[in-house]
């Protein structure tokens, strides 16, 4: 049962990470309006924020995966289990903060970016899991 909770906890963090990145990218116009920032400056700030979050979360998830699940192959299920958590967060955000101004609608190409990101994200998770799997196999077992 503990393994199951650890696995779902990591999957929740992966889903939350994906949802935050997508919401930042999809709500550029809204964030520019709320912060009263120029759209070009808001795009730059969001781009750097997304990159910074991605780097920090990569190191965090690598460490958490290595510590919580070690060399167990069950951790590869996180590449699938993140989907319901990400969908729930995106749905909740859309329900809590609906778009009321048509000027805040994301551009149509953002849908393609979302599809591409959703397709590539499991490979990113698998890469982190493989790195933590390889690194935990390198460590000699004592006892």
C-alpha atoms as a PDB file:
ATOM      1  CA  UNK A   1       0.000   0.000   0.000  1.00  0.00           C
ATOM      2  CA  UNK A   2       2.879   2.361   0.740  1.00  0.00           C
ATOM      3  CA  UNK A   3       4.334   1.787  -2.741  1.00  0.00           C
ATOM      4  CA  UNK A   4       0.942   2.591  -4.237  1.00  0.00           C
ATOM      5  CA  UNK A   5       0.741   5.884  -2.304  1.00  0.00           C
ATOM      6  CA  UNK A   6       4.294   6.840  -3.260  1.00  0.00           C
ATOM      7  CA  UNK A   7       3.598   6.045  -6.901  1.00  0.00           C
ATOM      8  CA  UNK A   8       0.408   8.117  -6.928  1.00  0.00           C
ATOM      9  CA  UNK A   9       2.119  10.938  -5.039  1.00  0.00           C
ATOM     10  CA  UNK A  10       4.833  11.145  -7.702  1.00  0.00           C
ATOM     11  CA  UNK A  11       2.225  10.912 -10.452  1.00  0.00           C
ATOM     12  CA  UNK A  12       0.311  13.769  -8.829  1.00  0.00           C
ATOM     13  CA  UNK A  13       3.442  15.915  -8.827  1.00  0.00           C
ATOM     14  CA  UNK A  14       4.096  15.100 -12.489  1.00  0.00           C
ATOM     15  CA  UNK A  15       0.498  15.975 -13.364  1.00  0.00           C
ATOM     16  CA  UNK A  16       0.672  19.207 -11.388  1.00  0.00           C
ATOM     17  CA  UNK A  17       3.934  20.121 -13.112  1.00  0.00           C
ATOM     18  CA  UNK A  18       2.414  19.568 -16.546  1.00  0.00           C
ATOM     19  CA  UNK A  19      -0.762  21.480 -15.679  1.00  0.00           C
ATOM     20  CA  UNK A  20       1.140  24.488 -14.334  1.00  0.00           C
ATOM     21  CA  UNK A  21       3.273  24.672 -17.468  1.00  0.00           C
ATOM     22  CA  UNK A  22       0.242  24.417 -19.751  1.00  0.00           C
ATOM     23  CA  UNK A  23      -1.796  26.950 -17.784  1.00  0.00           C
ATOM     24  CA  UNK A  24       1.051  29.452 -17.907  1.00  0.00           C
ATOM     25  CA  UNK A  25       1.353  29.056 -21.662  1.00  0.00           C
ATOM     26  CA  UNK A  26      -2.385  29.112 -22.330  1.00  0.00           C
ATOM     27  CA  UNK A  27      -3.118  32.171 -20.196  1.00  0.00           C
ATOM     28  CA  UNK A  28      -0.501  34.558 -21.539  1.00  0.00           C
ATOM     29  CA  UNK A  29      -3.054  37.181 -22.554  1.00  0.00           C
ATOM     30  CA  UNK A  30      -4.827  36.976 -19.205  1.00  0.00           C
ATOM     31  CA  UNK A  31      -1.602  37.259 -17.236  1.00  0.00           C
ATOM     32  CA  UNK A  32      -0.516  40.257 -19.332  1.00  0.00           C
ATOM     33  CA  UNK A  33      -3.845  41.970 -18.675  1.00  0.00           C
ATOM     34  CA  UNK A  34      -3.936  41.226 -14.947  1.00  0.00           C
ATOM     35  CA  UNK A  35      -0.345  42.344 -14.372  1.00  0.00           C
ATOM     36  CA  UNK A  36      -0.790  45.310 -16.752  1.00  0.00           C
ATOM     37  CA  UNK A  37       2.367  44.248 -18.523  1.00  0.00           C
ATOM     38  CA  UNK A  38       3.203  44.621 -22.192  1.00  0.00           C
ATOM     39  CA  UNK A  39       2.384  41.401 -24.079  1.00  0.00           C
ATOM     40  CA  UNK A  40       5.953  40.978 -25.354  1.00  0.00           C
ATOM     41  CA  UNK A  41       7.346  41.396 -21.852  1.00  0.00           C
ATOM     42  CA  UNK A  42       4.738  38.996 -20.460  1.00  0.00           C
ATOM     43  CA  UNK A  43       5.682  36.402 -23.104  1.00  0.00           C
ATOM     44  CA  UNK A  44       9.339  36.729 -22.162  1.00  0.00           C
ATOM     45  CA  UNK A  45       8.629  36.471 -18.442  1.00  0.00           C
ATOM     46  CA  UNK A  46       6.369  33.454 -18.911  1.00  0.00           C
ATOM     47  CA  UNK A  47       8.950  31.769 -21.148  1.00  0.00           C
ATOM     48  CA  UNK A  48      11.682  32.186 -18.542  1.00  0.00           C
ATOM     49  CA  UNK A  49       9.332  31.099 -15.770  1.00  0.00           C
ATOM     50  CA  UNK A  50       8.358  27.946 -17.664  1.00  0.00           C
ATOM     51  CA  UNK A  51      12.033  27.128 -18.274  1.00  0.00           C
ATOM     52  CA  UNK A  52      12.961  27.742 -14.645  1.00  0.00           C
ATOM     53  CA  UNK A  53      10.054  25.619 -13.366  1.00  0.00           C
ATOM     54  CA  UNK A  54      10.958  22.835 -15.799  1.00  0.00           C
ATOM     55  CA  UNK A  55      14.613  22.744 -14.669  1.00  0.00           C
ATOM     56  CA  UNK A  56      13.801  22.915 -10.959  1.00  0.00           C
ATOM     57  CA  UNK A  57      11.079  20.288 -11.228  1.00  0.00           C
ATOM     58  CA  UNK A  58      13.332  17.970 -13.211  1.00  0.00           C
ATOM     59  CA  UNK A  59      15.898  17.917 -10.419  1.00  0.00           C
ATOM     60  CA  UNK A  60      13.201  17.627  -7.768  1.00  0.00           C
ATOM     61  CA  UNK A  61      11.425  14.740  -9.503  1.00  0.00           C
ATOM     62  CA  UNK A  62      14.721  12.954 -10.163  1.00  0.00           C
ATOM     63  CA  UNK A  63      15.565  13.113  -6.472  1.00  0.00           C
ATOM     64  CA  UNK A  64      12.093  12.157  -5.294  1.00  0.00           C
ATOM     65  CA  UNK A  65      11.869   9.262  -7.733  1.00  0.00           C
ATOM     66  CA  UNK A  66      15.258   7.948  -6.636  1.00  0.00           C
ATOM     67  CA  UNK A  67      14.451   8.275  -2.927  1.00  0.00           C
ATOM     68  CA  UNK A  68      10.829   7.125  -2.886  1.00  0.00           C
ATOM     69  CA  UNK A  69      10.815   4.341  -5.463  1.00  0.00           C
ATOM     70  CA  UNK A  70      14.514   3.482  -5.781  1.00  0.00           C
ATOM     71  CA  UNK A  71      15.261   0.821  -8.374  1.00  0.00           C
ATOM     72  CA  UNK A  72      11.732  -0.583  -8.536  1.00  0.00           C
ATOM     73  CA  UNK A  73      10.340  -0.847 -12.017  1.00  0.00           C
ATOM     74  CA  UNK A  74       6.911   0.206 -10.735  1.00  0.00           C
ATOM     75  CA  UNK A  75       8.029   3.821 -11.132  1.00  0.00           C
ATOM     76  CA  UNK A  76       7.573   3.595 -14.888  1.00  0.00           C
ATOM     77  CA  UNK A  77       3.797   3.639 -14.281  1.00  0.00           C
ATOM     78  CA  UNK A  78       4.155   7.342 -13.538  1.00  0.00           C
ATOM     79  CA  UNK A  79       4.475   7.897 -17.291  1.00  0.00           C
ATOM     80  CA  UNK A  80       0.774   6.987 -17.573  1.00  0.00           C
ATOM     81  CA  UNK A  81      -0.672   7.864 -14.169  1.00  0.00           C
ATOM     82  CA  UNK A  82       0.097  11.607 -14.467  1.00  0.00           C
ATOM     83  CA  UNK A  83      -2.687  12.037 -17.055  1.00  0.00           C
ATOM     84  CA  UNK A  84      -5.759  11.968 -14.748  1.00  0.00           C
ATOM     85  CA  UNK A  85      -4.082  14.292 -12.255  1.00  0.00           C
ATOM     86  CA  UNK A  86      -3.122  16.812 -14.942  1.00  0.00           C
ATOM     87  CA  UNK A  87      -6.609  16.639 -16.456  1.00  0.00           C
ATOM     88  CA  UNK A  88      -8.195  17.225 -13.036  1.00  0.00           C
ATOM     89  CA  UNK A  89      -6.018  20.272 -12.316  1.00  0.00           C
ATOM     90  CA  UNK A  90      -6.619  21.767 -15.778  1.00  0.00           C
ATOM     91  CA  UNK A  91     -10.367  21.162 -15.462  1.00  0.00           C
ATOM     92  CA  UNK A  92     -10.460  22.672 -11.966  1.00  0.00           C
ATOM     93  CA  UNK A  93      -8.521  25.746 -13.107  1.00  0.00           C
ATOM     94  CA  UNK A  94     -10.834  26.196 -16.080  1.00  0.00           C
ATOM     95  CA  UNK A  95     -13.886  25.891 -13.838  1.00  0.00           C
ATOM     96  CA  UNK A  96     -12.602  28.249 -11.171  1.00  0.00           C
ATOM     97  CA  UNK A  97     -11.271  30.880 -13.591  1.00  0.00           C
ATOM     98  CA  UNK A  98     -13.376  30.794 -16.760  1.00  0.00           C
ATOM     99  CA  UNK A  99     -12.439  33.008 -19.687  1.00  0.00           C
ATOM    100  CA  UNK A 100     -14.883  35.910 -19.690  1.00  0.00           C
ATOM    101  CA  UNK A 101     -13.106  38.183 -22.160  1.00  0.00           C
ATOM    102  CA  UNK A 102     -12.807  36.929 -25.744  1.00  0.00           C
ATOM    103  CA  UNK A 103      -9.461  38.719 -25.987  1.00  0.00           C
ATOM    104  CA  UNK A 104      -8.005  36.259 -23.492  1.00  0.00           C
ATOM    105  CA  UNK A 105      -8.684  33.199 -25.635  1.00  0.00           C
ATOM    106  CA  UNK A 106      -5.466  31.361 -26.495  1.00  0.00           C
ATOM    107  CA  UNK A 107      -4.497  31.263 -30.139  1.00  0.00           C
ATOM    108  CA  UNK A 108      -5.514  28.152 -32.117  1.00  0.00           C
ATOM    109  CA  UNK A 109      -1.910  27.007 -32.476  1.00  0.00           C
ATOM    110  CA  UNK A 110      -1.731  26.587 -28.688  1.00  0.00           C
ATOM    111  CA  UNK A 111      -3.940  23.514 -29.069  1.00  0.00           C
ATOM    112  CA  UNK A 112      -1.295  21.947 -31.285  1.00  0.00           C
ATOM    113  CA  UNK A 113       1.391  22.835 -28.772  1.00  0.00           C
ATOM    114  CA  UNK A 114      -0.721  21.229 -26.029  1.00  0.00           C
ATOM    115  CA  UNK A 115      -1.116  18.039 -28.071  1.00  0.00           C
ATOM    116  CA  UNK A 116       2.624  17.931 -28.763  1.00  0.00           C
ATOM    117  CA  UNK A 117       3.470  18.549 -25.112  1.00  0.00           C
ATOM    118  CA  UNK A 118       1.044  15.854 -23.963  1.00  0.00           C
ATOM    119  CA  UNK A 119       2.618  13.425 -26.439  1.00  0.00           C
ATOM    120  CA  UNK A 120       6.221  14.198 -25.402  1.00  0.00           C
ATOM    121  CA  UNK A 121       5.682  14.463 -21.641  1.00  0.00           C
ATOM    122  CA  UNK A 122       5.575  10.673 -21.010  1.00  0.00           C
ATOM    123  CA  UNK A 123       8.972  10.362 -22.703  1.00  0.00           C
ATOM    124  CA  UNK A 124      10.307  13.088 -20.397  1.00  0.00           C
ATOM    125  CA  UNK A 125       8.991  11.141 -17.381  1.00  0.00           C
ATOM    126  CA  UNK A 126      10.503   7.907 -18.698  1.00  0.00           C
ATOM    127  CA  UNK A 127      13.858   9.663 -19.146  1.00  0.00           C
ATOM    128  CA  UNK A 128      13.827  10.877 -15.529  1.00  0.00           C
ATOM    129  CA  UNK A 129      12.802   7.403 -14.345  1.00  0.00           C
ATOM    130  CA  UNK A 130      15.533   5.725 -16.392  1.00  0.00           C
ATOM    131  CA  UNK A 131      18.157   8.115 -15.041  1.00  0.00           C
ATOM    132  CA  UNK A 132      17.067   7.474 -11.469  1.00  0.00           C
ATOM    133  CA  UNK A 133      16.892   3.724 -12.193  1.00  0.00           C
ATOM    134  CA  UNK A 134      20.422   3.659 -13.630  1.00  0.00           C
ATOM    135  CA  UNK A 135      21.859   5.820 -10.847  1.00  0.00           C
ATOM    136  CA  UNK A 136      20.263   3.706  -8.108  1.00  0.00           C
ATOM    137  CA  UNK A 137      21.598   0.532  -9.752  1.00  0.00           C
ATOM    138  CA  UNK A 138      25.132   2.001  -9.636  1.00  0.00           C
ATOM    139  CA  UNK A 139      25.015   2.381  -5.868  1.00  0.00           C
ATOM    140  CA  UNK A 140      26.330  -0.783  -4.201  1.00  0.00           C
ATOM    141  CA  UNK A 141      23.896  -2.432  -1.829  1.00  0.00           C
ATOM    142  CA  UNK A 142      25.249  -2.870   1.698  1.00  0.00           C
ATOM    143  CA  UNK A 143      24.297  -5.836   3.814  1.00  0.00           C
END
